[in-house]
PDB file of N, CA and C in Angstrom:
ATOM      1  N   MET A   1       0.844  -1.184   0.000  1.00  0.00           N
ATOM      2  CA  MET A   1       0.000   0.000   0.000  1.00  0.00           C
ATOM      3  C   MET A   1       0.888   1.245   0.000  1.00  0.00           C
ATOM      4  N   THR A   2       0.543   2.203  -0.850  1.00  0.00           N
ATOM      5  CA  THR A   2       1.316   3.437  -0.897  1.00  0.00           C
ATOM      6  C   THR A   2       0.803   4.409   0.160  1.00  0.00           C
ATOM      7  N   SER A   3       1.696   5.269   0.604  1.00  0.00           N
ATOM      8  CA  SER A   3       1.292   6.263   1.602  1.00  0.00           C
ATOM      9  C   SER A   3       0.475   7.360   0.909  1.00  0.00           C
ATOM     10  N   PRO A   4      -0.418   8.014   1.643  1.00  0.00           N
ATOM     11  CA  PRO A   4      -1.250   9.050   1.032  1.00  0.00           C
ATOM     12  C   PRO A   4      -0.429  10.242   0.546  1.00  0.00           C
ATOM     13  N   ASN A   5      -0.899  10.845  -0.525  1.00  0.00           N
ATOM     14  CA  ASN A   5      -0.283  12.051  -1.084  1.00  0.00           C
ATOM     15  C   ASN A   5      -0.973  13.240  -0.426  1.00  0.00           C
ATOM     16  N   THR A   6      -0.378  13.742   0.639  1.00  0.00           N
ATOM     17  CA  THR A   6      -1.021  14.785   1.435  1.00  0.00           C
ATOM     18  C   THR A   6      -0.556  16.193   1.090  1.00  0.00           C
ATOM     19  N   ARG A   7       0.499  16.340   0.315  1.00  0.00           N
ATOM     20  CA  ARG A   7       1.002  17.655  -0.090  1.00  0.00           C
ATOM     21  C   ARG A   7       1.268  17.653  -1.604  1.00  0.00           C
ATOM     22  N   PRO A   8       0.210  17.495  -2.424  1.00  0.00           N
ATOM     23  CA  PRO A   8       0.423  17.350  -3.869  1.00  0.00           C
ATOM     24  C   PRO A   8       1.080  18.555  -4.518  1.00  0.00           C
ATOM     25  N   TRP A   9       0.891  19.765  -3.965  1.00  0.00           N
ATOM     26  CA  TRP A   9       1.498  20.966  -4.551  1.00  0.00           C
ATOM     27  C   TRP A   9       3.017  20.957  -4.409  1.00  0.00           C
ATOM     28  N   GLU A  10       3.558  20.073  -3.590  1.00  0.00           N
ATOM     29  CA  GLU A  10       5.018  19.991  -3.442  1.00  0.00           C
ATOM     30  C   GLU A  10       5.659  19.123  -4.509  1.00  0.00           C
ATOM     31  N   ARG A  11       4.873  18.253  -5.183  1.00  0.00           N
ATOM     32  CA  ARG A  11       5.482  17.373  -6.178  1.00  0.00           C
ATOM     33  C   ARG A  11       4.667  17.179  -7.448  1.00  0.00           C
ATOM     34  N   ASP A  12       3.357  17.448  -7.413  1.00  0.00           N
ATOM     35  CA  ASP A  12       2.508  17.153  -8.562  1.00  0.00           C
ATOM     36  C   ASP A  12       2.173  18.353  -9.427  1.00  0.00           C
ATOM     37  N   TYR A  13       2.212  19.546  -8.871  1.00  0.00           N
ATOM     38  CA  TYR A  13       1.853  20.727  -9.652  1.00  0.00           C
ATOM     39  C   TYR A  13       2.322  21.979  -8.924  1.00  0.00           C
ATOM     40  N   THR A  14       2.345  23.093  -9.679  1.00  0.00           N
ATOM     41  CA  THR A  14       2.730  24.390  -9.128  1.00  0.00           C
ATOM     42  C   THR A  14       1.644  25.398  -9.448  1.00  0.00           C
ATOM     43  N   ILE A  15       1.227  26.141  -8.423  1.00  0.00           N
ATOM     44  CA  ILE A  15       0.301  27.243  -8.620  1.00  0.00           C
ATOM     45  C   ILE A  15       0.872  28.466  -7.913  1.00  0.00           C
ATOM     46  N   LYS A  16       0.240  29.608  -8.090  1.00  0.00           N
ATOM     47  CA  LYS A  16       0.782  30.857  -7.545  1.00  0.00           C
ATOM     48  C   LYS A  16       1.025  30.780  -6.041  1.00  0.00           C
ATOM     49  N   GLN A  17       0.031  30.282  -5.273  1.00  0.00           N
ATOM     50  CA  GLN A  17       0.213  30.232  -3.817  1.00  0.00           C
ATOM     51  C   GLN A  17      -0.677  29.165  -3.196  1.00  0.00           C
ATOM     52  N   THR A  18      -0.121  28.465  -2.209  1.00  0.00           N
ATOM     53  CA  THR A  18      -0.861  27.494  -1.414  1.00  0.00           C
ATOM     54  C   THR A  18      -0.481  27.696   0.040  1.00  0.00           C
ATOM     55  N   LEU A  19      -1.471  28.007   0.882  1.00  0.00           N
ATOM     56  CA  LEU A  19      -1.232  28.201   2.309  1.00  0.00           C
ATOM     57  C   LEU A  19      -2.158  27.285   3.101  1.00  0.00           C
ATOM     58  N   VAL A  20      -1.596  26.423   3.928  1.00  0.00           N
ATOM     59  CA  VAL A  20      -2.405  25.592   4.805  1.00  0.00           C
ATOM     60  C   VAL A  20      -2.735  26.437   6.035  1.00  0.00           C
ATOM     61  N   LEU A  21      -4.028  26.709   6.247  1.00  0.00           N
ATOM     62  CA  LEU A  21      -4.462  27.564   7.350  1.00  0.00           C
ATOM     63  C   LEU A  21      -4.748  26.772   8.620  1.00  0.00           C
ATOM     64  N   ALA A  22      -5.228  25.544   8.470  1.00  0.00           N
ATOM     65  CA  ALA A  22      -5.534  24.689   9.615  1.00  0.00           C
ATOM     66  C   ALA A  22      -5.500  23.244   9.151  1.00  0.00           C
ATOM     67  N   GLU A  23      -5.068  22.345  10.062  1.00  0.00           N
ATOM     68  CA  GLU A  23      -4.958  20.943   9.660  1.00  0.00           C
ATOM     69  C   GLU A  23      -5.008  20.025  10.868  1.00  0.00           C
ATOM     70  N   THR A  24      -5.826  18.985  10.741  1.00  0.00           N
ATOM     71  CA  THR A  24      -5.857  17.869  11.677  1.00  0.00           C
ATOM     72  C   THR A  24      -5.806  16.605  10.819  1.00  0.00           C
ATOM     73  N   PRO A  25      -5.708  15.419  11.406  1.00  0.00           N
ATOM     74  CA  PRO A  25      -5.704  14.210  10.574  1.00  0.00           C
ATOM     75  C   PRO A  25      -6.977  14.019   9.740  1.00  0.00           C
ATOM     76  N   ALA A  26      -8.098  14.643  10.129  1.00  0.00           N
ATOM     77  CA  ALA A  26      -9.360  14.429   9.423  1.00  0.00           C
ATOM     78  C   ALA A  26      -9.947  15.682   8.785  1.00  0.00           C
ATOM     79  N   LEU A  27      -9.260  16.834   8.884  1.00  0.00           N
ATOM     80  CA  LEU A  27      -9.805  18.069   8.336  1.00  0.00           C
ATOM     81  C   LEU A  27      -8.672  19.038   8.024  1.00  0.00           C
ATOM     82  N   ARG A  28      -8.799  19.731   6.870  1.00  0.00           N
ATOM     83  CA  ARG A  28      -7.777  20.705   6.496  1.00  0.00           C
ATOM     84  C   ARG A  28      -8.438  21.871   5.781  1.00  0.00           C
ATOM     85  N   VAL A  29      -7.905  23.087   6.004  1.00  0.00           N
ATOM     86  CA  VAL A  29      -8.361  24.296   5.319  1.00  0.00           C
ATOM     87  C   VAL A  29      -7.152  24.880   4.594  1.00  0.00           C
ATOM     88  N   ILE A  30      -7.297  25.067   3.277  1.00  0.00           N
ATOM     89  CA  ILE A  30      -6.207  25.570   2.445  1.00  0.00           C
ATOM     90  C   ILE A  30      -6.668  26.814   1.703  1.00  0.00           C
ATOM     91  N   ASP A  31      -5.812  27.819   1.631  1.00  0.00           N
ATOM     92  CA  ASP A  31      -6.037  29.044   0.874  1.00  0.00           C
ATOM     93  C   ASP A  31      -5.191  28.927  -0.394  1.00  0.00           C
ATOM     94  N   LEU A  32      -5.836  28.926  -1.567  1.00  0.00           N
ATOM     95  CA  LEU A  32      -5.138  28.773  -2.840  1.00  0.00           C
ATOM     96  C   LEU A  32      -5.338  30.001  -3.713  1.00  0.00           C
ATOM     97  N   THR A  33      -4.299  30.371  -4.448  1.00  0.00           N
ATOM     98  CA  THR A  33      -4.380  31.436  -5.438  1.00  0.00           C
ATOM     99  C   THR A  33      -3.888  30.877  -6.766  1.00  0.00           C
ATOM    100  N   LEU A  34      -4.715  31.062  -7.800  1.00  0.00           N
ATOM    101  CA  LEU A  34      -4.346  30.659  -9.155  1.00  0.00           C
ATOM    102  C   LEU A  34      -4.115  31.902  -9.999  1.00  0.00           C
ATOM    103  N   ALA A  35      -2.999  31.948 -10.699  1.00  0.00           N
ATOM    104  CA  ALA A  35      -2.753  32.990 -11.691  1.00  0.00           C
ATOM    105  C   ALA A  35      -3.644  32.704 -12.908  1.00  0.00           C
ATOM    106  N   PRO A  36      -3.813  33.680 -13.808  1.00  0.00           N
ATOM    107  CA  PRO A  36      -4.591  33.411 -15.014  1.00  0.00           C
ATOM    108  C   PRO A  36      -4.079  32.170 -15.747  1.00  0.00           C
ATOM    109  N   GLU A  37      -5.024  31.344 -16.175  1.00  0.00           N
ATOM    110  CA  GLU A  37      -4.775  30.106 -16.921  1.00  0.00           C
ATOM    111  C   GLU A  37      -4.183  28.976 -16.087  1.00  0.00           C
ATOM    112  N   GLN A  38      -3.943  29.173 -14.809  1.00  0.00           N
ATOM    113  CA  GLN A  38      -3.456  28.074 -13.965  1.00  0.00           C
ATOM    114  C   GLN A  38      -4.620  27.184 -13.544  1.00  0.00           C
ATOM    115  N   SER A  39      -4.269  25.945 -13.203  1.00  0.00           N
ATOM    116  CA  SER A  39      -5.279  25.009 -12.724  1.00  0.00           C
ATOM    117  C   SER A  39      -4.644  24.006 -11.772  1.00  0.00           C
ATOM    118  N   VAL A  40      -5.481  23.393 -10.987  1.00  0.00           N
ATOM    119  CA  VAL A  40      -5.093  22.238 -10.183  1.00  0.00           C
ATOM    120  C   VAL A  40      -5.368  21.029 -11.071  1.00  0.00           C
ATOM    121  N   PRO A  41      -4.442  20.081 -11.208  1.00  0.00           N
ATOM    122  CA  PRO A  41      -4.668  18.942 -12.111  1.00  0.00           C
ATOM    123  C   PRO A  41      -5.910  18.141 -11.711  1.00  0.00           C
ATOM    124  N   TRP A  42      -6.435  17.416 -12.685  1.00  0.00           N
ATOM    125  CA  TRP A  42      -7.554  16.514 -12.412  1.00  0.00           C
ATOM    126  C   TRP A  42      -7.141  15.519 -11.334  1.00  0.00           C
ATOM    127  N   HIS A  43      -8.050  15.301 -10.387  1.00  0.00           N
ATOM    128  CA  HIS A  43      -7.761  14.390  -9.284  1.00  0.00           C
ATOM    129  C   HIS A  43      -9.066  14.014  -8.588  1.00  0.00           C
ATOM    130  N   LEU A  44      -8.941  13.133  -7.623  1.00  0.00           N
ATOM    131  CA  LEU A  44     -10.056  12.820  -6.738  1.00  0.00           C
ATOM    132  C   LEU A  44      -9.507  12.528  -5.354  1.00  0.00           C
ATOM    133  N   HIS A  45     -10.408  12.500  -4.388  1.00  0.00           N
ATOM    134  CA  HIS A  45     -10.064  12.173  -3.009  1.00  0.00           C
ATOM    135  C   HIS A  45     -10.918  10.975  -2.600  1.00  0.00           C
ATOM    136  N   PRO A  46     -10.305   9.831  -2.294  1.00  0.00           N
ATOM    137  CA  PRO A  46     -11.087   8.639  -1.965  1.00  0.00           C
ATOM    138  C   PRO A  46     -11.915   8.764  -0.697  1.00  0.00           C
ATOM    139  N   ASP A  47     -11.453   9.540   0.289  1.00  0.00           N
ATOM    140  CA  ASP A  47     -12.086   9.510   1.613  1.00  0.00           C
ATOM    141  C   ASP A  47     -12.563  10.851   2.148  1.00  0.00           C
ATOM    142  N   ASN A  48     -12.487  11.921   1.359  1.00  0.00           N
ATOM    143  CA  ASN A  48     -12.951  13.211   1.874  1.00  0.00           C
ATOM    144  C   ASN A  48     -13.552  14.082   0.776  1.00  0.00           C
ATOM    145  N   ASP A  49     -14.470  14.975   1.175  1.00  0.00           N
ATOM    146  CA  ASP A  49     -15.070  15.959   0.271  1.00  0.00           C
ATOM    147  C   ASP A  49     -14.166  17.185   0.199  1.00  0.00           C
ATOM    148  N   ASP A  50     -14.361  17.996  -0.845  1.00  0.00           N
ATOM    149  CA  ASP A  50     -13.730  19.309  -0.990  1.00  0.00           C
ATOM    150  C   ASP A  50     -14.839  20.349  -1.031  1.00  0.00           C
ATOM    151  N   LEU A  51     -14.854  21.253  -0.074  1.00  0.00           N
ATOM    152  CA  LEU A  51     -15.772  22.386  -0.101  1.00  0.00           C
ATOM    153  C   LEU A  51     -14.981  23.603  -0.561  1.00  0.00           C
ATOM    154  N   PHE A  52     -15.357  24.161  -1.729  1.00  0.00           N
ATOM    155  CA  PHE A  52     -14.699  25.335  -2.293  1.00  0.00           C
ATOM    156  C   PHE A  52     -15.476  26.582  -1.878  1.00  0.00           C
ATOM    157  N   ILE A  53     -14.750  27.633  -1.485  1.00  0.00           N
ATOM    158  CA  ILE A  53     -15.341  28.926  -1.157  1.00  0.00           C
ATOM    159  C   ILE A  53     -14.520  29.990  -1.881  1.00  0.00           C
ATOM    160  N   CYS A  54     -15.122  30.679  -2.831  1.00  0.00           N
ATOM    161  CA  CYS A  54     -14.408  31.690  -3.611  1.00  0.00           C
ATOM    162  C   CYS A  54     -14.246  32.961  -2.782  1.00  0.00           C
ATOM    163  N   LEU A  55     -13.022  33.467  -2.704  1.00  0.00           N
ATOM    164  CA  LEU A  55     -12.731  34.697  -1.971  1.00  0.00           C
ATOM    165  C   LEU A  55     -12.652  35.910  -2.888  1.00  0.00           C
ATOM    166  N   ARG A  56     -11.943  35.776  -4.025  1.00  0.00           N
ATOM    167  CA  ARG A  56     -11.828  36.889  -4.978  1.00  0.00           C
ATOM    168  C   ARG A  56     -11.558  36.335  -6.361  1.00  0.00           C
ATOM    169  N   GLY A  57     -11.953  37.105  -7.354  1.00  0.00           N
ATOM    170  CA  GLY A  57     -11.796  36.662  -8.734  1.00  0.00           C
ATOM    171  C   GLY A  57     -12.874  35.657  -9.103  1.00  0.00           C
ATOM    172  N   SER A  58     -12.614  34.909 -10.156  1.00  0.00           N
ATOM    173  CA  SER A  58     -13.548  33.881 -10.593  1.00  0.00           C
ATOM    174  C   SER A  58     -12.759  32.696 -11.134  1.00  0.00           C
ATOM    175  N   PHE A  59     -13.386  31.532 -11.069  1.00  0.00           N
ATOM    176  CA  PHE A  59     -12.771  30.308 -11.582  1.00  0.00           C
ATOM    177  C   PHE A  59     -13.863  29.290 -11.825  1.00  0.00           C
ATOM    178  N   GLU A  60     -13.485  28.156 -12.419  1.00  0.00           N
ATOM    179  CA  GLU A  60     -14.430  27.072 -12.662  1.00  0.00           C
ATOM    180  C   GLU A  60     -13.997  25.824 -11.915  1.00  0.00           C
ATOM    181  N   ILE A  61     -14.979  25.117 -11.407  1.00  0.00           N
ATOM    182  CA  ILE A  61     -14.764  23.769 -10.886  1.00  0.00           C
ATOM    183  C   ILE A  61     -15.370  22.834 -11.922  1.00  0.00           C
ATOM    184  N   ARG A  62     -14.562  21.932 -12.438  1.00  0.00           N
ATOM    185  CA  ARG A  62     -15.021  20.975 -13.455  1.00  0.00           C
ATOM    186  C   ARG A  62     -15.016  19.585 -12.838  1.00  0.00           C
ATOM    187  N   GLU A  63     -16.088  18.847 -13.086  1.00  0.00           N
ATOM    188  CA  GLU A  63     -16.249  17.506 -12.537  1.00  0.00           C
ATOM    189  C   GLU A  63     -16.657  16.537 -13.644  1.00  0.00           C
ATOM    190  N   VAL A  64     -16.378  15.272 -13.444  1.00  0.00           N
ATOM    191  CA  VAL A  64     -16.869  14.224 -14.334  1.00  0.00           C
ATOM    192  C   VAL A  64     -17.585  13.169 -13.493  1.00  0.00           C
ATOM    193  N   ASN A  65     -18.465  12.445 -14.158  1.00  0.00           N
ATOM    194  CA  ASN A  65     -19.253  11.367 -13.523  1.00  0.00           C
ATOM    195  C   ASN A  65     -20.141  11.878 -12.407  1.00  0.00           C
ATOM    196  N   PRO A  66     -21.080  12.772 -12.650  1.00  0.00           N
ATOM    197  CA  PRO A  66     -21.501  13.316 -13.947  1.00  0.00           C
ATOM    198  C   PRO A  66     -20.686  14.541 -14.356  1.00  0.00           C
ATOM    199  N   ASP A  67     -20.681  14.817 -15.672  1.00  0.00           N
ATOM    200  CA  ASP A  67     -19.993  16.000 -16.190  1.00  0.00           C
ATOM    201  C   ASP A  67     -20.714  17.252 -15.713  1.00  0.00           C
ATOM    202  N   ARG A  68     -19.950  18.166 -15.125  1.00  0.00           N
ATOM    203  CA  ARG A  68     -20.540  19.411 -14.632  1.00  0.00           C
ATOM    204  C   ARG A  68     -19.441  20.464 -14.532  1.00  0.00           C
ATOM    205  N   THR A  69     -19.769  21.706 -14.896  1.00  0.00           N
ATOM    206  CA  THR A  69     -18.885  22.854 -14.707  1.00  0.00           C
ATOM    207  C   THR A  69     -19.633  23.870 -13.857  1.00  0.00           C
ATOM    208  N   THR A  70     -18.993  24.302 -12.767  1.00  0.00           N
ATOM    209  CA  THR A  70     -19.582  25.277 -11.861  1.00  0.00           C
ATOM    210  C   THR A  70     -18.736  26.534 -11.886  1.00  0.00           C
ATOM    211  N   ALA A  71     -19.334  27.655 -12.329  1.00  0.00           N
ATOM    212  CA  ALA A  71     -18.641  28.946 -12.345  1.00  0.00           C
ATOM    213  C   ALA A  71     -18.698  29.527 -10.936  1.00  0.00           C
ATOM    214  N   MET A  72     -17.535  29.923 -10.423  1.00  0.00           N
ATOM    215  CA  MET A  72     -17.431  30.455  -9.066  1.00  0.00           C
ATOM    216  C   MET A  72     -17.058  31.931  -9.099  1.00  0.00           C
ATOM    217  N   LYS A  73     -17.734  32.722  -8.260  1.00  0.00           N
ATOM    218  CA  LYS A  73     -17.403  34.132  -8.062  1.00  0.00           C
ATOM    219  C   LYS A  73     -17.373  34.380  -6.556  1.00  0.00           C
ATOM    220  N   PRO A  74     -16.893  35.536  -6.108  1.00  0.00           N
ATOM    221  CA  PRO A  74     -16.730  35.761  -4.664  1.00  0.00           C
ATOM    222  C   PRO A  74     -17.976  35.397  -3.841  1.00  0.00           C
ATOM    223  N   LEU A  75     -17.703  34.673  -2.763  1.00  0.00           N
ATOM    224  CA  LEU A  75     -18.658  34.175  -1.778  1.00  0.00           C
ATOM    225  C   LEU A  75     -19.442  32.941  -2.227  1.00  0.00           C
ATOM    226  N   ASP A  76     -19.273  32.495  -3.488  1.00  0.00           N
ATOM    227  CA  ASP A  76     -19.906  31.250  -3.917  1.00  0.00           C
ATOM    228  C   ASP A  76     -19.256  30.069  -3.201  1.00  0.00           C
ATOM    229  N   ARG A  77     -20.067  29.030  -2.976  1.00  0.00           N
ATOM    230  CA  ARG A  77     -19.590  27.786  -2.359  1.00  0.00           C
ATOM    231  C   ARG A  77     -20.025  26.624  -3.223  1.00  0.00           C
ATOM    232  N   HIS A  78     -19.174  25.600  -3.262  1.00  0.00           N
ATOM    233  CA  HIS A  78     -19.516  24.392  -4.015  1.00  0.00           C
ATOM    234  C   HIS A  78     -18.812  23.206  -3.370  1.00  0.00           C
ATOM    235  N   ASN A  79     -19.551  22.129  -3.134  1.00  0.00           N
ATOM    236  CA  ASN A  79     -18.981  20.922  -2.539  1.00  0.00           C
ATOM    237  C   ASN A  79     -18.778  19.856  -3.614  1.00  0.00           C
ATOM    238  N   VAL A  80     -17.572  19.277  -3.652  1.00  0.00           N
ATOM    239  CA  VAL A  80     -17.280  18.141  -4.518  1.00  0.00           C
ATOM    240  C   VAL A  80     -17.179  16.918  -3.616  1.00  0.00           C
ATOM    241  N   PRO A  81     -18.096  15.968  -3.774  1.00  0.00           N
ATOM    242  CA  PRO A  81     -18.074  14.781  -2.911  1.00  0.00           C
ATOM    243  C   PRO A  81     -16.851  13.900  -3.141  1.00  0.00           C
ATOM    244  N   ARG A  82     -16.514  13.143  -2.130  1.00  0.00           N
ATOM    245  CA  ARG A  82     -15.407  12.176  -2.251  1.00  0.00           C
ATOM    246  C   ARG A  82     -15.605  11.286  -3.473  1.00  0.00           C
ATOM    247  N   ARG A  83     -14.501  10.878  -4.059  1.00  0.00           N
ATOM    248  CA  ARG A  83     -14.438   9.982  -5.212  1.00  0.00           C
ATOM    249  C   ARG A  83     -14.949  10.593  -6.522  1.00  0.00           C
ATOM    250  N   VAL A  84     -15.227  11.895  -6.562  1.00  0.00           N
ATOM    251  CA  VAL A  84     -15.658  12.553  -7.807  1.00  0.00           C
ATOM    252  C   VAL A  84     -14.450  13.242  -8.438  1.00  0.00           C
ATOM    253  N   PRO A  85     -14.045  12.839  -9.649  1.00  0.00           N
ATOM    254  CA  PRO A  85     -12.925  13.507 -10.320  1.00  0.00           C
ATOM    255  C   PRO A  85     -13.247  14.976 -10.563  1.00  0.00           C
ATOM    256  N   HIS A  86     -12.252  15.846 -10.277  1.00  0.00           N
ATOM    257  CA  HIS A  86     -12.477  17.284 -10.428  1.00  0.00           C
ATOM    258  C   HIS A  86     -11.177  18.039 -10.612  1.00  0.00           C
ATOM    259  N   THR A  87     -11.324  19.301 -11.062  1.00  0.00           N
ATOM    260  CA  THR A  87     -10.224  20.236 -11.228  1.00  0.00           C
ATOM    261  C   THR A  87     -10.752  21.638 -10.948  1.00  0.00           C
ATOM    262  N   ALA A  88      -9.874  22.548 -10.600  1.00  0.00           N
ATOM    263  CA  ALA A  88     -10.208  23.964 -10.457  1.00  0.00           C
ATOM    264  C   ALA A  88      -9.366  24.718 -11.480  1.00  0.00           C
ATOM    265  N   VAL A  89     -10.016  25.556 -12.298  1.00  0.00           N
ATOM    266  CA  VAL A  89      -9.358  26.218 -13.420  1.00  0.00           C
ATOM    267  C   VAL A  89      -9.648  27.717 -13.391  1.00  0.00           C
ATOM    268  N   ASN A  90      -8.583  28.523 -13.446  1.00  0.00           N
ATOM    269  CA  ASN A  90      -8.764  29.968 -13.568  1.00  0.00           C
ATOM    270  C   ASN A  90      -8.897  30.283 -15.057  1.00  0.00           C
ATOM    271  N   VAL A  91     -10.106  30.615 -15.482  1.00  0.00           N
ATOM    272  CA  VAL A  91     -10.358  30.924 -16.888  1.00  0.00           C
ATOM    273  C   VAL A  91     -10.431  32.435 -17.127  1.00  0.00           C
ATOM    274  N   SER A  92     -10.103  33.225 -16.093  1.00  0.00           N
ATOM    275  CA  SER A  92     -10.170  34.678 -16.209  1.00  0.00           C
ATOM    276  C   SER A  92      -8.790  35.264 -16.493  1.00  0.00           C
ATOM    277  N   ARG A  93      -8.753  36.588 -16.637  1.00  0.00           N
ATOM    278  CA  ARG A  93      -7.491  37.292 -16.887  1.00  0.00           C
ATOM    279  C   ARG A  93      -6.875  37.833 -15.608  1.00  0.00           C
ATOM    280  N   GLU A  94      -7.501  37.543 -14.464  1.00  0.00           N
ATOM    281  CA  GLU A  94      -7.007  38.002 -13.169  1.00  0.00           C
ATOM    282  C   GLU A  94      -6.805  36.813 -12.246  1.00  0.00           C
ATOM    283  N   GLU A  95      -6.030  37.021 -11.194  1.00  0.00           N
ATOM    284  CA  GLU A  95      -5.858  35.971 -10.196  1.00  0.00           C
ATOM    285  C   GLU A  95      -7.196  35.644  -9.545  1.00  0.00           C
ATOM    286  N   CYS A  96      -7.312  34.436  -9.054  1.00  0.00           N
ATOM    287  CA  CYS A  96      -8.461  34.073  -8.235  1.00  0.00           C
ATOM    288  C   CYS A  96      -7.928  33.439  -6.953  1.00  0.00           C
ATOM    289  N   GLN A  97      -8.679  33.597  -5.883  1.00  0.00           N
ATOM    290  CA  GLN A  97      -8.289  33.067  -4.576  1.00  0.00           C
ATOM    291  C   GLN A  97      -9.496  32.366  -3.981  1.00  0.00           C
ATOM    292  N   PHE A  98      -9.257  31.185  -3.409  1.00  0.00           N
ATOM    293  CA  PHE A  98     -10.357  30.442  -2.817  1.00  0.00           C
ATOM    294  C   PHE A  98      -9.855  29.579  -1.668  1.00  0.00           C
ATOM    295  N   LEU A  99     -10.784  29.241  -0.801  1.00  0.00           N
ATOM    296  CA  LEU A  99     -10.510  28.302   0.278  1.00  0.00           C
ATOM    297  C   LEU A  99     -11.031  26.937  -0.124  1.00  0.00           C
ATOM    298  N   ILE A 100     -10.328  25.908   0.331  1.00  0.00           N
ATOM    299  CA  ILE A 100     -10.842  24.544   0.237  1.00  0.00           C
ATOM    300  C   ILE A 100     -10.859  23.991   1.650  1.00  0.00           C
ATOM    301  N   VAL A 101     -12.027  23.502   2.056  1.00  0.00           N
ATOM    302  CA  VAL A 101     -12.161  22.787   3.323  1.00  0.00           C
ATOM    303  C   VAL A 101     -12.250  21.316   2.951  1.00  0.00           C
ATOM    304  N   GLN A 102     -11.263  20.550   3.387  1.00  0.00           N
ATOM    305  CA  GLN A 102     -11.167  19.136   3.027  1.00  0.00           C
ATOM    306  C   GLN A 102     -11.483  18.282   4.244  1.00  0.00           C
ATOM    307  N   GLY A 103     -12.517  17.459   4.107  1.00  0.00           N
ATOM    308  CA  GLY A 103     -12.874  16.576   5.201  1.00  0.00           C
ATOM    309  C   GLY A 103     -14.378  16.531   5.382  1.00  0.00           C
ATOM    310  N   PRO A 104     -14.806  15.803   6.365  1.00  0.00           N
ATOM    311  CA  PRO A 104     -13.983  14.976   7.241  1.00  0.00           C
ATOM    312  C   PRO A 104     -13.502  13.722   6.513  1.00  0.00           C
ATOM    313  N   GLY A 105     -12.426  13.174   6.998  1.00  0.00           N
ATOM    314  CA  GLY A 105     -11.862  11.953   6.432  1.00  0.00           C
ATOM    315  C   GLY A 105     -10.381  12.079   6.173  1.00  0.00           C
ATOM    316  N   ARG A 106      -9.747  10.949   5.952  1.00  0.00           N
ATOM    317  CA  ARG A 106      -8.314  10.898   5.654  1.00  0.00           C
ATOM    318  C   ARG A 106      -8.062  11.527   4.293  1.00  0.00           C
ATOM    319  N   TYR A 107      -7.076  12.404   4.206  1.00  0.00           N
ATOM    320  CA  TYR A 107      -6.780  13.121   2.978  1.00  0.00           C
ATOM    321  C   TYR A 107      -5.820  12.338   2.100  1.00  0.00           C
ATOM    322  N   ASP A 108      -6.140  12.246   0.793  1.00  0.00           N
ATOM    323  CA  ASP A 108      -5.261  11.640  -0.198  1.00  0.00           C
ATOM    324  C   ASP A 108      -5.609  12.237  -1.557  1.00  0.00           C
ATOM    325  N   PHE A 109      -4.593  12.703  -2.293  1.00  0.00           N
ATOM    326  CA  PHE A 109      -4.743  13.313  -3.617  1.00  0.00           C
ATOM    327  C   PHE A 109      -4.370  12.266  -4.655  1.00  0.00           C
ATOM    328  N   LYS A 110      -5.350  11.779  -5.409  1.00  0.00           N
ATOM    329  CA  LYS A 110      -5.120  10.786  -6.461  1.00  0.00           C
ATOM    330  C   LYS A 110      -5.188  11.500  -7.812  1.00  0.00           C
ATOM    331  N   ARG A 111      -4.017  11.731  -8.397  1.00  0.00           N
ATOM    332  CA  ARG A 111      -3.929  12.434  -9.691  1.00  0.00           C
ATOM    333  C   ARG A 111      -4.539  11.578 -10.784  1.00  0.00           C
ATOM    334  N   LEU A 112      -5.264  12.213 -11.708  1.00  0.00           N
ATOM    335  CA  LEU A 112      -5.906  11.544 -12.834  1.00  0.00           C
ATOM    336  C   LEU A 112      -5.406  12.163 -14.129  1.00  0.00           C
ATOM    337  N   ALA A 113      -4.148  11.896 -14.438  1.00  0.00           N
ATOM    338  CA  ALA A 113      -3.485  12.530 -15.590  1.00  0.00           C
ATOM    339  C   ALA A 113      -4.227  12.270 -16.894  1.00  0.00           C
ATOM    340  N   LYS A 114      -4.931  11.152 -16.998  1.00  0.00           N
ATOM    341  CA  LYS A 114      -5.652  10.838 -18.237  1.00  0.00           C
ATOM    342  C   LYS A 114      -6.745  11.873 -18.545  1.00  0.00           C
ATOM    343  N   LEU A 115      -7.170  12.653 -17.547  1.00  0.00           N
ATOM    344  CA  LEU A 115      -8.190  13.683 -17.756  1.00  0.00           C
ATOM    345  C   LEU A 115      -7.598  15.073 -17.992  1.00  0.00           C
ATOM    346  N   ASP A 116      -6.288  15.238 -17.882  1.00  0.00           N
ATOM    347  CA  ASP A 116      -5.666  16.559 -17.965  1.00  0.00           C
ATOM    348  C   ASP A 116      -5.928  17.301 -19.271  1.00  0.00           C
ATOM    349  N   HIS A 117      -6.236  16.600 -20.337  1.00  0.00           N
ATOM    350  CA  HIS A 117      -6.459  17.252 -21.636  1.00  0.00           C
ATOM    351  C   HIS A 117      -7.942  17.335 -21.981  1.00  0.00           C
ATOM    352  N   ARG A 118      -8.750  17.160 -21.008  1.00  0.00           N
ATOM    353  CA  ARG A 118     -10.208  17.184 -21.182  1.00  0.00           C
ATOM    354  C   ARG A 118     -10.682  18.590 -21.463  1.00  0.00           C
TER     355      ARG A 118
END
């Protein structure tokens, strides 16, 4: 069994800024900033949900199974359930900033490179 990928931004991708604001074994809050055209790679979490809260700018959350795109603007919230493949994409010309509340549950980032060109 492989160990969980708990810090994917350290080895799987680079974005403008990632700040862990709070963390326990079953819950984490992260502040992320995406530059224009940046994205978090397609992935899923086997054991926890992702609650997105837009702070500034705009971005899209894209999901598959079922296919869905959710446009986010400041103060919008969107929950991606565990095991649902998803990505966050800055499709604007300005930076966007959002919080992700991950949990409850054990955190693991499972990259889905086969969806990166979707």
